[in-house]
């Protein structure tokens, strides 16, 4: 079963724009390939980016 965008970012369905942005920044610091040399970091960051763009699109 794949995780929802909310689960990927670790936010509630009712999350505000600021909460989504903060979650994205926190996860980016953890998984960005420039900061994390784990083989899975790039894939994690790609999923985080997709989730972030999808959730932020509801505000714009």
C-alpha atoms as a PDB file:
ATOM      1  CA  UNK A   1       0.000   0.000   0.000  1.00  0.00           C
ATOM      2  CA  UNK A   2       1.418   3.368  -0.923  1.00  0.00           C
ATOM      3  CA  UNK A   3       1.405   6.274   1.473  1.00  0.00           C
ATOM      4  CA  UNK A   4      -0.752   9.317   0.888  1.00  0.00           C
ATOM      5  CA  UNK A   5       0.827  12.698   0.322  1.00  0.00           C
ATOM      6  CA  UNK A   6      -0.192  13.645   3.857  1.00  0.00           C
ATOM      7  CA  UNK A   7       1.503  10.552   5.270  1.00  0.00           C
ATOM      8  CA  UNK A   8       4.665  11.199   3.265  1.00  0.00           C
ATOM      9  CA  UNK A   9       4.968  14.676   4.764  1.00  0.00           C
ATOM     10  CA  UNK A  10       3.670  13.593   8.168  1.00  0.00           C
ATOM     11  CA  UNK A  11       0.872  16.162   8.312  1.00  0.00           C
ATOM     12  CA  UNK A  12      -2.851  15.986   8.976  1.00  0.00           C
ATOM     13  CA  UNK A  13      -5.419  16.341   6.189  1.00  0.00           C
ATOM     14  CA  UNK A  14      -6.348  19.681   7.764  1.00  0.00           C
ATOM     15  CA  UNK A  15      -2.751  20.995   7.671  1.00  0.00           C
ATOM     16  CA  UNK A  16      -2.259  24.637   6.848  1.00  0.00           C
ATOM     17  CA  UNK A  17       0.035  25.930   4.137  1.00  0.00           C
ATOM     18  CA  UNK A  18       2.622  26.833   6.785  1.00  0.00           C
ATOM     19  CA  UNK A  19       2.453  23.383   8.420  1.00  0.00           C
ATOM     20  CA  UNK A  20       3.008  21.715   5.046  1.00  0.00           C
ATOM     21  CA  UNK A  21       5.929  24.031   4.299  1.00  0.00           C
ATOM     22  CA  UNK A  22       7.517  23.337   7.709  1.00  0.00           C
ATOM     23  CA  UNK A  23       7.128  19.569   7.257  1.00  0.00           C
ATOM     24  CA  UNK A  24       8.713  19.786   3.812  1.00  0.00           C
ATOM     25  CA  UNK A  25      11.688  21.746   5.117  1.00  0.00           C
ATOM     26  CA  UNK A  26      12.193  19.322   8.006  1.00  0.00           C
ATOM     27  CA  UNK A  27      12.135  16.316   5.690  1.00  0.00           C
ATOM     28  CA  UNK A  28      14.328  18.016   3.097  1.00  0.00           C
ATOM     29  CA  UNK A  29      17.007  18.566   5.742  1.00  0.00           C
ATOM     30  CA  UNK A  30      16.779  14.885   6.609  1.00  0.00           C
ATOM     31  CA  UNK A  31      16.611  13.314   3.135  1.00  0.00           C
ATOM     32  CA  UNK A  32      18.173  15.733   0.638  1.00  0.00           C
ATOM     33  CA  UNK A  33      20.839  13.763  -1.263  1.00  0.00           C
ATOM     34  CA  UNK A  34      23.376  16.559  -0.735  1.00  0.00           C
ATOM     35  CA  UNK A  35      22.995  16.088   3.026  1.00  0.00           C
ATOM     36  CA  UNK A  36      22.244  12.367   3.238  1.00  0.00           C
ATOM     37  CA  UNK A  37      24.435   9.853   1.457  1.00  0.00           C
ATOM     38  CA  UNK A  38      22.029   6.963   2.002  1.00  0.00           C
ATOM     39  CA  UNK A  39      21.218   5.137  -1.255  1.00  0.00           C
ATOM     40  CA  UNK A  40      17.495   5.664  -0.592  1.00  0.00           C
ATOM     41  CA  UNK A  41      17.753   9.408   0.084  1.00  0.00           C
ATOM     42  CA  UNK A  42      17.232  10.434  -3.554  1.00  0.00           C
ATOM     43  CA  UNK A  43      14.057   8.340  -3.859  1.00  0.00           C
ATOM     44  CA  UNK A  44      12.732   9.649  -0.538  1.00  0.00           C
ATOM     45  CA  UNK A  45      13.362  13.221  -1.635  1.00  0.00           C
ATOM     46  CA  UNK A  46      11.581  12.647  -4.943  1.00  0.00           C
ATOM     47  CA  UNK A  47       8.489  11.394  -3.092  1.00  0.00           C
ATOM     48  CA  UNK A  48       8.668  14.313  -0.663  1.00  0.00           C
ATOM     49  CA  UNK A  49       8.850  16.786  -3.577  1.00  0.00           C
ATOM     50  CA  UNK A  50       5.862  15.201  -5.327  1.00  0.00           C
ATOM     51  CA  UNK A  51       3.794  15.253  -2.137  1.00  0.00           C
ATOM     52  CA  UNK A  52       4.757  18.848  -1.367  1.00  0.00           C
ATOM     53  CA  UNK A  53       3.833  20.125  -4.836  1.00  0.00           C
ATOM     54  CA  UNK A  54       0.516  18.258  -4.789  1.00  0.00           C
ATOM     55  CA  UNK A  55      -0.516  19.518  -1.360  1.00  0.00           C
ATOM     56  CA  UNK A  56       0.613  23.089  -1.951  1.00  0.00           C
ATOM     57  CA  UNK A  57      -1.351  23.254  -5.205  1.00  0.00           C
ATOM     58  CA  UNK A  58      -4.581  23.431  -3.212  1.00  0.00           C
ATOM     59  CA  UNK A  59      -3.504  26.823  -1.839  1.00  0.00           C
ATOM     60  CA  UNK A  60      -2.660  28.427  -5.193  1.00  0.00           C
END
